[in-house]
């Protein structure tokens, strides 16, 4: 129920392209992004925040970029280096996610920054994902700075979580940067 409502709310957000651009501009100023040697970042699907400006900037700066690749046969993410976002270099994978046409496997943990999609978030850094646990497992297996990207309207007062759920360090919206780790400590 919460996922369905969160998805509906995100789908209804107007001016997503403008809002996504503002979110990407905020992320691009963050020390964690500017100093990252390797960035792990999703390619957007449906109504997610569009990360392509961040990926293009990282590639242009010479930052290594790794994207997740859904492997439904084992219900986990694989990871591939990406050198281009050109349409001819990408293909549609599982769940409609984009992935490199030619996979170049990246070892888990080679990145120092992970940018995460979400359906909803709270100020303590907890996120509501799609329910498959892909990112919870990823964040547990490869500790790195984590940034969730969301539209401000995706904020919820409280996201139910269990001990295995991994909170994010920062959440960036078109309106602000939320230092979620600090919120958890209060």
N, C-alpha and C. Protein backbone atom coordinates (compact mmCIF):
# COMPACT_ATOMS: atom_id res chain seq x y z
N UNK A 1 0.82 -1.20 0.00
CA UNK A 1 0.00 0.00 0.00
C UNK A 1 0.87 1.27 0.00
N UNK A 2 1.88 1.30 0.90
CA UNK A 2 2.76 2.46 0.98
C UNK A 2 3.55 2.63 -0.32
N UNK A 3 4.04 1.52 -0.90
CA UNK A 3 4.76 1.61 -2.17
C UNK A 3 3.86 2.13 -3.28
N UNK A 4 2.66 1.61 -3.37
CA UNK A 4 1.73 2.02 -4.41
C UNK A 4 1.44 3.52 -4.30
N UNK A 5 1.15 3.98 -3.08
CA UNK A 5 0.85 5.39 -2.86
C UNK A 5 2.08 6.26 -3.14
N UNK A 6 3.26 5.81 -2.74
CA UNK A 6 4.49 6.57 -2.99
C UNK A 6 4.78 6.65 -4.48
N UNK A 7 4.57 5.56 -5.19
CA UNK A 7 4.77 5.57 -6.65
C UNK A 7 3.78 6.53 -7.32
N UNK A 8 2.52 6.49 -6.89
CA UNK A 8 1.50 7.37 -7.45
C UNK A 8 1.87 8.82 -7.20
N UNK A 9 2.32 9.11 -5.99
CA UNK A 9 2.69 10.49 -5.64
C UNK A 9 3.89 10.96 -6.48
N UNK A 10 4.89 10.09 -6.63
CA UNK A 10 6.06 10.48 -7.44
C UNK A 10 5.66 10.67 -8.91
N UNK A 11 4.82 9.80 -9.43
CA UNK A 11 4.38 9.91 -10.82
C UNK A 11 3.64 11.22 -11.08
N UNK A 12 3.00 11.77 -10.06
CA UNK A 12 2.18 12.97 -10.22
C UNK A 12 2.98 14.27 -10.10
N UNK A 13 4.25 14.18 -9.77
CA UNK A 13 5.06 15.39 -9.59
C UNK A 13 5.22 16.11 -10.93
N UNK A 14 4.86 17.39 -10.97
CA UNK A 14 5.01 18.15 -12.22
C UNK A 14 6.46 18.58 -12.45
N UNK A 15 6.75 18.93 -13.67
CA UNK A 15 8.05 19.51 -14.04
C UNK A 15 9.23 18.66 -13.55
N UNK A 16 9.15 17.35 -13.76
CA UNK A 16 10.21 16.46 -13.27
C UNK A 16 11.57 16.77 -13.90
N UNK A 17 11.59 17.14 -15.18
CA UNK A 17 12.87 17.42 -15.82
C UNK A 17 13.56 18.62 -15.16
N UNK A 18 12.81 19.68 -14.90
CA UNK A 18 13.37 20.87 -14.26
C UNK A 18 13.82 20.54 -12.84
N UNK A 19 12.99 19.80 -12.14
CA UNK A 19 13.33 19.43 -10.75
C UNK A 19 14.55 18.50 -10.72
N UNK A 20 14.60 17.55 -11.65
CA UNK A 20 15.76 16.65 -11.73
C UNK A 20 17.04 17.45 -11.96
N UNK A 21 16.98 18.42 -12.87
CA UNK A 21 18.16 19.24 -13.15
C UNK A 21 18.62 19.98 -11.89
N UNK A 22 17.67 20.50 -11.12
CA UNK A 22 18.02 21.20 -9.87
C UNK A 22 18.66 20.24 -8.87
N UNK A 23 18.14 19.04 -8.78
CA UNK A 23 18.72 18.04 -7.87
C UNK A 23 20.15 17.71 -8.29
N UNK A 24 20.35 17.49 -9.58
CA UNK A 24 21.69 17.17 -10.08
C UNK A 24 22.66 18.32 -9.83
N UNK A 25 22.20 19.55 -9.99
CA UNK A 25 23.06 20.71 -9.71
C UNK A 25 23.48 20.72 -8.25
N UNK A 26 22.56 20.40 -7.34
CA UNK A 26 22.90 20.35 -5.90
C UNK A 26 23.94 19.25 -5.63
N UNK A 27 23.71 18.07 -6.21
CA UNK A 27 24.64 16.96 -5.99
C UNK A 27 26.02 17.33 -6.50
N UNK A 28 26.09 17.98 -7.66
CA UNK A 28 27.38 18.31 -8.28
C UNK A 28 28.23 19.24 -7.41
N UNK A 29 27.62 19.93 -6.45
CA UNK A 29 28.39 20.81 -5.56
C UNK A 29 28.88 20.10 -4.30
N UNK A 30 28.41 18.90 -4.06
CA UNK A 30 28.75 18.20 -2.82
C UNK A 30 30.19 17.68 -2.85
N UNK A 31 30.93 17.84 -1.75
CA UNK A 31 32.29 17.31 -1.70
C UNK A 31 32.37 15.81 -2.02
N UNK A 32 31.41 15.03 -1.57
CA UNK A 32 31.44 13.58 -1.82
C UNK A 32 31.37 13.28 -3.31
N UNK A 33 30.62 14.07 -4.05
CA UNK A 33 30.53 13.87 -5.51
C UNK A 33 31.79 14.39 -6.19
N UNK A 34 32.23 15.56 -5.79
CA UNK A 34 33.38 16.18 -6.46
C UNK A 34 34.67 15.40 -6.23
N UNK A 35 34.77 14.71 -5.09
CA UNK A 35 36.00 13.96 -4.80
C UNK A 35 35.92 12.48 -5.15
N UNK A 36 34.77 12.02 -5.59
CA UNK A 36 34.61 10.58 -5.90
C UNK A 36 35.55 10.17 -7.03
N UNK A 37 36.23 9.08 -6.81
CA UNK A 37 37.07 8.51 -7.88
C UNK A 37 36.22 7.61 -8.76
N UNK A 38 35.28 6.89 -8.11
CA UNK A 38 34.36 6.01 -8.84
C UNK A 38 32.97 6.21 -8.26
N UNK A 39 32.04 6.45 -9.15
CA UNK A 39 30.65 6.70 -8.79
C UNK A 39 29.80 5.49 -9.20
N UNK A 40 28.99 5.00 -8.28
CA UNK A 40 27.99 3.96 -8.60
C UNK A 40 26.65 4.69 -8.63
N UNK A 41 25.98 4.66 -9.77
CA UNK A 41 24.75 5.45 -9.92
C UNK A 41 23.79 4.73 -10.86
N UNK A 42 22.53 4.79 -10.51
CA UNK A 42 21.49 4.18 -11.34
C UNK A 42 21.22 5.00 -12.60
N UNK A 43 20.78 4.34 -13.63
CA UNK A 43 20.24 4.99 -14.82
C UNK A 43 18.73 5.08 -14.60
N UNK A 44 18.12 6.25 -14.80
CA UNK A 44 16.72 6.44 -14.40
C UNK A 44 15.72 5.64 -15.24
N UNK A 45 14.65 5.21 -14.56
CA UNK A 45 13.50 4.61 -15.23
C UNK A 45 12.24 5.28 -14.69
N UNK A 46 11.19 5.17 -15.45
CA UNK A 46 9.89 5.72 -15.08
C UNK A 46 10.04 7.15 -14.55
N UNK A 47 9.52 7.42 -13.37
CA UNK A 47 9.49 8.79 -12.85
C UNK A 47 10.61 9.09 -11.85
N UNK A 48 11.68 8.30 -11.87
CA UNK A 48 12.81 8.55 -10.98
C UNK A 48 13.52 9.85 -11.35
N UNK A 49 14.25 10.40 -10.40
CA UNK A 49 15.09 11.55 -10.67
C UNK A 49 16.07 11.16 -11.77
N UNK A 50 16.17 12.00 -12.78
CA UNK A 50 17.04 11.73 -13.93
C UNK A 50 18.49 12.02 -13.54
N UNK A 51 19.30 10.98 -13.53
CA UNK A 51 20.70 11.09 -13.10
C UNK A 51 21.66 11.34 -14.27
N UNK A 52 21.16 11.35 -15.48
CA UNK A 52 22.07 11.46 -16.63
C UNK A 52 22.98 12.68 -16.58
N UNK A 53 22.53 13.86 -16.13
CA UNK A 53 23.48 14.98 -16.04
C UNK A 53 24.66 14.68 -15.10
N UNK A 54 24.40 14.01 -13.98
CA UNK A 54 25.49 13.65 -13.06
C UNK A 54 26.45 12.67 -13.70
N UNK A 55 25.89 11.68 -14.40
CA UNK A 55 26.72 10.67 -15.05
C UNK A 55 27.57 11.29 -16.15
N UNK A 56 26.97 12.16 -16.95
CA UNK A 56 27.71 12.81 -18.03
C UNK A 56 28.83 13.69 -17.48
N UNK A 57 28.55 14.42 -16.41
CA UNK A 57 29.58 15.26 -15.79
C UNK A 57 30.71 14.41 -15.25
N UNK A 58 30.37 13.32 -14.57
CA UNK A 58 31.39 12.42 -14.02
C UNK A 58 32.26 11.85 -15.14
N UNK A 59 31.63 11.38 -16.20
CA UNK A 59 32.39 10.82 -17.32
C UNK A 59 33.30 11.88 -17.94
N UNK A 60 32.80 13.09 -18.11
CA UNK A 60 33.60 14.16 -18.70
C UNK A 60 34.80 14.53 -17.83
N UNK A 61 34.64 14.40 -16.51
CA UNK A 61 35.74 14.72 -15.57
C UNK A 61 36.72 13.59 -15.42
N UNK A 62 36.42 12.43 -16.00
CA UNK A 62 37.31 11.28 -15.86
C UNK A 62 37.02 10.43 -14.64
N UNK A 63 35.90 10.69 -13.97
CA UNK A 63 35.49 9.86 -12.84
C UNK A 63 34.98 8.54 -13.39
N UNK A 64 35.37 7.44 -12.78
CA UNK A 64 34.85 6.14 -13.19
C UNK A 64 33.38 6.05 -12.85
N UNK A 65 32.59 5.44 -13.72
CA UNK A 65 31.15 5.31 -13.48
C UNK A 65 30.76 3.84 -13.60
N UNK A 66 30.07 3.36 -12.56
CA UNK A 66 29.54 2.01 -12.52
C UNK A 66 28.03 2.11 -12.38
N UNK A 67 27.31 1.30 -13.13
CA UNK A 67 25.85 1.28 -13.04
C UNK A 67 25.39 -0.10 -12.61
N UNK A 68 24.25 -0.17 -11.92
CA UNK A 68 23.72 -1.47 -11.53
C UNK A 68 23.06 -2.17 -12.70
N UNK A 69 23.15 -3.48 -12.70
CA UNK A 69 22.51 -4.32 -13.70
C UNK A 69 21.71 -5.37 -12.94
N UNK A 70 20.41 -5.39 -13.13
CA UNK A 70 19.56 -6.33 -12.40
C UNK A 70 19.74 -7.73 -12.96
N UNK A 71 20.01 -8.68 -12.07
CA UNK A 71 20.13 -10.09 -12.44
C UNK A 71 18.98 -10.85 -11.78
N UNK A 72 17.86 -10.98 -12.45
CA UNK A 72 16.69 -11.61 -11.82
C UNK A 72 16.88 -13.10 -11.53
N UNK A 73 17.80 -13.75 -12.25
CA UNK A 73 18.03 -15.17 -12.03
C UNK A 73 18.56 -15.45 -10.63
N UNK A 74 19.26 -14.49 -10.04
CA UNK A 74 19.80 -14.65 -8.69
C UNK A 74 19.29 -13.58 -7.73
N UNK A 75 18.34 -12.75 -8.19
CA UNK A 75 17.71 -11.70 -7.38
C UNK A 75 18.75 -10.79 -6.71
N UNK A 76 19.70 -10.32 -7.52
CA UNK A 76 20.69 -9.38 -7.01
C UNK A 76 21.16 -8.48 -8.13
N UNK A 77 21.95 -7.49 -7.75
CA UNK A 77 22.52 -6.58 -8.72
C UNK A 77 23.91 -7.05 -9.13
N UNK A 78 24.18 -6.92 -10.40
CA UNK A 78 25.55 -7.00 -10.89
C UNK A 78 25.94 -5.55 -11.15
N UNK A 79 27.17 -5.32 -11.53
CA UNK A 79 27.64 -3.96 -11.69
C UNK A 79 28.53 -3.90 -12.92
N UNK A 80 28.32 -2.85 -13.73
CA UNK A 80 29.08 -2.72 -14.96
C UNK A 80 29.63 -1.31 -15.11
N UNK A 81 30.86 -1.24 -15.58
CA UNK A 81 31.43 0.05 -15.95
C UNK A 81 30.65 0.58 -17.14
N UNK A 82 30.52 1.88 -17.22
CA UNK A 82 29.88 2.50 -18.37
C UNK A 82 30.77 3.66 -18.81
N UNK A 83 30.97 3.77 -20.12
CA UNK A 83 31.83 4.83 -20.64
C UNK A 83 31.05 5.82 -21.49
N UNK A 84 29.79 5.50 -21.77
CA UNK A 84 28.98 6.35 -22.64
C UNK A 84 27.52 6.17 -22.31
N UNK A 85 26.75 7.25 -22.47
CA UNK A 85 25.31 7.17 -22.31
C UNK A 85 24.60 7.27 -23.66
N UNK A 86 25.35 7.12 -24.72
CA UNK A 86 24.76 7.18 -26.06
C UNK A 86 23.73 6.05 -26.20
N UNK A 87 22.64 6.35 -26.88
CA UNK A 87 21.56 5.38 -27.04
C UNK A 87 22.05 4.05 -27.60
N UNK A 88 22.99 4.11 -28.52
CA UNK A 88 23.47 2.86 -29.13
C UNK A 88 24.34 2.03 -28.19
N UNK A 89 24.78 2.62 -27.07
CA UNK A 89 25.60 1.90 -26.10
C UNK A 89 24.80 1.32 -24.94
N UNK A 90 23.49 1.62 -24.91
CA UNK A 90 22.63 1.14 -23.82
C UNK A 90 21.52 0.26 -24.38
N UNK A 91 20.97 -0.59 -23.51
CA UNK A 91 19.83 -1.41 -23.87
C UNK A 91 18.90 -1.55 -22.66
N UNK A 92 17.69 -1.96 -22.93
CA UNK A 92 16.73 -2.14 -21.84
C UNK A 92 16.94 -3.52 -21.25
N UNK A 93 17.09 -3.55 -19.92
CA UNK A 93 17.28 -4.81 -19.21
C UNK A 93 16.04 -5.17 -18.40
N UNK A 94 16.25 -5.94 -17.36
CA UNK A 94 15.18 -6.39 -16.48
C UNK A 94 14.46 -5.22 -15.83
N UNK A 95 13.16 -5.33 -15.66
CA UNK A 95 12.30 -4.31 -15.05
C UNK A 95 12.33 -2.99 -15.82
N UNK A 96 12.79 -3.01 -17.06
CA UNK A 96 12.85 -1.79 -17.86
C UNK A 96 14.05 -0.92 -17.56
N UNK A 97 14.98 -1.42 -16.75
CA UNK A 97 16.17 -0.63 -16.43
C UNK A 97 17.10 -0.57 -17.62
N UNK A 98 17.78 0.55 -17.77
CA UNK A 98 18.80 0.67 -18.81
C UNK A 98 20.10 0.09 -18.29
N UNK A 99 20.85 -0.50 -19.21
CA UNK A 99 22.15 -1.06 -18.86
C UNK A 99 23.05 -0.98 -20.08
N UNK A 100 24.37 -1.06 -19.86
CA UNK A 100 25.27 -1.04 -21.02
C UNK A 100 25.00 -2.24 -21.92
N UNK A 101 25.06 -2.00 -23.22
CA UNK A 101 24.88 -3.09 -24.20
C UNK A 101 26.00 -4.12 -24.04
N UNK A 102 27.23 -3.63 -23.84
CA UNK A 102 28.37 -4.51 -23.59
C UNK A 102 28.74 -4.40 -22.12
N UNK A 103 28.44 -5.42 -21.35
CA UNK A 103 28.72 -5.38 -19.92
C UNK A 103 30.21 -5.53 -19.66
N UNK A 104 30.72 -4.66 -18.80
CA UNK A 104 32.10 -4.71 -18.35
C UNK A 104 32.04 -4.81 -16.83
N UNK A 105 32.06 -6.02 -16.28
CA UNK A 105 31.85 -6.21 -14.84
C UNK A 105 32.79 -5.37 -13.97
N UNK A 106 32.19 -4.78 -12.94
CA UNK A 106 32.94 -4.03 -11.94
C UNK A 106 32.85 -4.80 -10.63
N UNK A 107 33.94 -4.86 -9.92
CA UNK A 107 33.95 -5.56 -8.64
C UNK A 107 33.18 -4.76 -7.59
N UNK A 108 32.47 -5.47 -6.75
CA UNK A 108 31.72 -4.83 -5.67
C UNK A 108 32.67 -4.06 -4.78
N UNK A 109 32.33 -2.80 -4.51
CA UNK A 109 33.11 -1.99 -3.59
C UNK A 109 34.19 -1.15 -4.23
N UNK A 110 34.33 -1.19 -5.57
CA UNK A 110 35.35 -0.39 -6.22
C UNK A 110 34.99 1.10 -6.18
N UNK A 111 33.75 1.42 -5.88
CA UNK A 111 33.27 2.80 -5.86
C UNK A 111 33.35 3.40 -4.46
N UNK A 112 33.39 4.72 -4.41
CA UNK A 112 33.40 5.40 -3.11
C UNK A 112 32.17 6.27 -2.89
N UNK A 113 31.26 6.29 -3.86
CA UNK A 113 30.01 7.02 -3.72
C UNK A 113 28.91 6.24 -4.44
N UNK A 114 27.77 6.08 -3.76
CA UNK A 114 26.63 5.39 -4.36
C UNK A 114 25.44 6.34 -4.36
N UNK A 115 24.85 6.50 -5.54
CA UNK A 115 23.64 7.32 -5.69
C UNK A 115 22.48 6.37 -5.89
N UNK A 116 21.47 6.53 -5.04
CA UNK A 116 20.40 5.55 -4.89
C UNK A 116 19.04 6.13 -5.27
N UNK A 117 18.22 5.36 -6.00
CA UNK A 117 16.85 5.79 -6.28
C UNK A 117 15.93 5.44 -5.12
N UNK A 118 14.76 6.03 -5.08
CA UNK A 118 13.81 5.69 -4.01
C UNK A 118 12.40 6.12 -4.38
N UNK A 119 11.45 5.54 -3.66
CA UNK A 119 10.04 5.93 -3.82
C UNK A 119 9.63 6.96 -2.78
N UNK A 120 10.19 6.85 -1.58
CA UNK A 120 9.90 7.78 -0.49
C UNK A 120 11.08 7.76 0.48
N UNK A 121 11.18 8.81 1.32
CA UNK A 121 12.26 8.89 2.29
C UNK A 121 11.78 9.63 3.52
N UNK A 122 12.53 9.44 4.62
CA UNK A 122 12.30 10.26 5.80
C UNK A 122 13.61 10.94 6.16
N UNK A 123 13.56 11.86 7.09
CA UNK A 123 14.73 12.67 7.43
C UNK A 123 15.80 11.91 8.19
N UNK A 124 15.50 10.71 8.63
CA UNK A 124 16.52 9.88 9.28
C UNK A 124 17.33 9.11 8.24
N UNK A 125 16.99 9.27 6.96
CA UNK A 125 17.76 8.62 5.90
C UNK A 125 17.22 7.29 5.44
N UNK A 126 16.08 6.89 5.97
CA UNK A 126 15.50 5.63 5.53
C UNK A 126 14.72 5.86 4.25
N UNK A 127 14.81 4.90 3.35
CA UNK A 127 14.18 5.00 2.04
C UNK A 127 13.23 3.85 1.83
N UNK A 128 12.25 4.13 1.03
CA UNK A 128 11.35 3.09 0.56
C UNK A 128 11.76 2.80 -0.87
N UNK A 129 12.21 1.57 -1.09
CA UNK A 129 12.60 1.16 -2.44
C UNK A 129 11.47 0.38 -3.09
N UNK A 130 11.84 -0.40 -4.06
CA UNK A 130 10.84 -1.16 -4.81
C UNK A 130 10.51 -2.51 -4.16
N UNK A 131 11.17 -2.84 -3.07
CA UNK A 131 10.81 -4.03 -2.32
C UNK A 131 11.60 -5.28 -2.63
N UNK A 132 12.59 -5.19 -3.49
CA UNK A 132 13.39 -6.37 -3.83
C UNK A 132 14.64 -6.49 -2.96
N UNK A 133 14.99 -5.41 -2.24
CA UNK A 133 16.15 -5.44 -1.35
C UNK A 133 17.49 -5.30 -2.04
N UNK A 134 17.49 -4.96 -3.34
CA UNK A 134 18.75 -4.87 -4.07
C UNK A 134 19.72 -3.89 -3.42
N UNK A 135 19.24 -2.69 -3.12
CA UNK A 135 20.14 -1.67 -2.58
C UNK A 135 20.51 -1.93 -1.12
N UNK A 136 19.62 -2.51 -0.34
CA UNK A 136 20.00 -2.85 1.03
C UNK A 136 21.16 -3.83 1.03
N UNK A 137 21.09 -4.84 0.17
CA UNK A 137 22.19 -5.80 0.08
C UNK A 137 23.46 -5.14 -0.45
N UNK A 138 23.32 -4.28 -1.44
CA UNK A 138 24.48 -3.59 -2.00
C UNK A 138 25.16 -2.73 -0.94
N UNK A 139 24.38 -1.94 -0.22
CA UNK A 139 24.96 -1.02 0.76
C UNK A 139 25.60 -1.75 1.93
N UNK A 140 25.09 -2.93 2.25
CA UNK A 140 25.68 -3.74 3.31
C UNK A 140 27.00 -4.34 2.86
N UNK A 141 27.06 -4.76 1.60
CA UNK A 141 28.25 -5.47 1.11
C UNK A 141 29.37 -4.53 0.67
N UNK A 142 29.04 -3.28 0.40
CA UNK A 142 30.06 -2.36 -0.12
C UNK A 142 29.88 -0.99 0.51
N UNK A 143 30.34 -0.81 1.75
CA UNK A 143 30.17 0.48 2.40
C UNK A 143 30.82 1.62 1.61
N UNK A 144 30.08 2.68 1.45
CA UNK A 144 30.54 3.88 0.76
C UNK A 144 29.59 5.00 1.16
N UNK A 145 29.93 6.22 0.84
CA UNK A 145 29.00 7.32 1.06
C UNK A 145 27.77 7.09 0.19
N UNK A 146 26.58 7.31 0.76
CA UNK A 146 25.34 7.07 0.02
C UNK A 146 24.50 8.33 -0.05
N UNK A 147 23.99 8.59 -1.25
CA UNK A 147 23.13 9.75 -1.49
C UNK A 147 21.86 9.25 -2.17
N UNK A 148 20.72 9.56 -1.57
CA UNK A 148 19.44 9.27 -2.19
C UNK A 148 18.96 10.49 -2.93
N UNK A 149 18.43 10.28 -4.12
CA UNK A 149 17.88 11.39 -4.90
C UNK A 149 16.38 11.29 -4.90
N UNK A 150 15.72 12.41 -4.60
CA UNK A 150 14.27 12.40 -4.52
C UNK A 150 13.72 13.80 -4.77
N UNK A 151 12.48 13.83 -5.20
CA UNK A 151 11.76 15.09 -5.27
C UNK A 151 11.25 15.38 -3.87
N UNK A 152 11.18 16.65 -3.49
CA UNK A 152 10.77 17.03 -2.13
C UNK A 152 9.43 16.41 -1.76
N UNK A 153 8.54 16.27 -2.72
CA UNK A 153 7.21 15.71 -2.45
C UNK A 153 7.25 14.24 -2.07
N UNK A 154 8.39 13.59 -2.20
CA UNK A 154 8.51 12.18 -1.82
C UNK A 154 8.80 11.99 -0.33
N UNK A 155 8.97 13.08 0.40
CA UNK A 155 9.25 12.96 1.83
C UNK A 155 8.05 12.42 2.58
N UNK A 156 8.33 11.52 3.51
CA UNK A 156 7.31 10.95 4.40
C UNK A 156 7.74 11.24 5.83
N UNK A 157 6.79 11.31 6.76
CA UNK A 157 7.16 11.56 8.15
C UNK A 157 8.03 10.46 8.74
N UNK A 158 7.76 9.21 8.34
CA UNK A 158 8.51 8.07 8.88
C UNK A 158 8.42 6.92 7.88
N UNK A 159 9.57 6.34 7.55
CA UNK A 159 9.60 5.15 6.71
C UNK A 159 9.84 3.96 7.64
N UNK A 160 8.91 3.01 7.64
CA UNK A 160 9.12 1.82 8.47
C UNK A 160 10.41 1.12 8.02
N UNK A 161 11.19 0.67 9.00
CA UNK A 161 12.43 -0.01 8.65
C UNK A 161 12.73 -1.13 9.64
N UNK A 162 13.55 -2.05 9.17
CA UNK A 162 13.97 -3.19 9.97
C UNK A 162 15.48 -3.10 10.16
N UNK A 163 16.04 -3.91 11.04
CA UNK A 163 17.48 -3.80 11.31
C UNK A 163 18.37 -3.94 10.07
N UNK A 164 17.93 -4.69 9.06
CA UNK A 164 18.76 -4.87 7.87
C UNK A 164 18.67 -3.69 6.90
N UNK A 165 17.73 -2.78 7.10
CA UNK A 165 17.58 -1.63 6.21
C UNK A 165 18.72 -0.64 6.47
N UNK A 166 19.35 -0.21 5.39
CA UNK A 166 20.50 0.68 5.49
C UNK A 166 20.07 2.12 5.24
N UNK A 167 20.21 3.00 6.23
CA UNK A 167 19.88 4.41 6.00
C UNK A 167 20.92 5.08 5.12
N UNK A 168 20.50 6.11 4.43
CA UNK A 168 21.38 6.87 3.55
C UNK A 168 22.11 7.96 4.34
N UNK A 169 23.25 8.39 3.83
CA UNK A 169 23.99 9.47 4.48
C UNK A 169 23.37 10.83 4.17
N UNK A 170 23.01 11.03 2.92
CA UNK A 170 22.42 12.29 2.47
C UNK A 170 21.23 12.00 1.58
N UNK A 171 20.29 12.92 1.58
CA UNK A 171 19.19 12.89 0.62
C UNK A 171 19.17 14.26 -0.03
N UNK A 172 19.13 14.28 -1.35
CA UNK A 172 19.14 15.54 -2.07
C UNK A 172 17.83 15.67 -2.82
N UNK A 173 17.16 16.80 -2.58
CA UNK A 173 15.93 17.13 -3.29
C UNK A 173 16.18 18.43 -4.06
N UNK A 174 15.18 18.87 -4.81
CA UNK A 174 15.31 20.14 -5.52
C UNK A 174 15.36 21.32 -4.55
N UNK A 175 14.95 21.10 -3.30
CA UNK A 175 14.91 22.19 -2.32
C UNK A 175 16.07 22.22 -1.34
N UNK A 176 16.67 21.05 -1.07
CA UNK A 176 17.67 21.02 0.00
C UNK A 176 18.51 19.75 -0.04
N UNK A 177 19.60 19.81 0.75
CA UNK A 177 20.42 18.63 1.03
C UNK A 177 20.15 18.27 2.48
N UNK A 178 19.69 17.06 2.71
CA UNK A 178 19.36 16.60 4.06
C UNK A 178 20.50 15.70 4.54
N UNK A 179 21.16 16.12 5.61
CA UNK A 179 22.24 15.31 6.19
C UNK A 179 21.59 14.29 7.11
N UNK A 180 21.16 13.21 6.54
CA UNK A 180 20.37 12.22 7.26
C UNK A 180 21.15 11.56 8.40
N UNK A 181 22.44 11.34 8.19
CA UNK A 181 23.23 10.73 9.25
C UNK A 181 23.21 11.54 10.52
N UNK A 182 23.22 12.87 10.40
CA UNK A 182 23.15 13.74 11.56
C UNK A 182 21.77 13.65 12.22
N UNK A 183 20.73 13.47 11.41
CA UNK A 183 19.37 13.36 11.96
C UNK A 183 19.23 12.10 12.82
N UNK A 184 19.89 11.02 12.41
CA UNK A 184 19.82 9.76 13.16
C UNK A 184 20.50 9.89 14.51
N UNK A 185 21.53 10.73 14.58
CA UNK A 185 22.30 10.86 15.81
C UNK A 185 21.59 11.69 16.86
N UNK A 186 20.60 12.46 16.49
CA UNK A 186 19.92 13.36 17.44
C UNK A 186 18.96 12.60 18.31
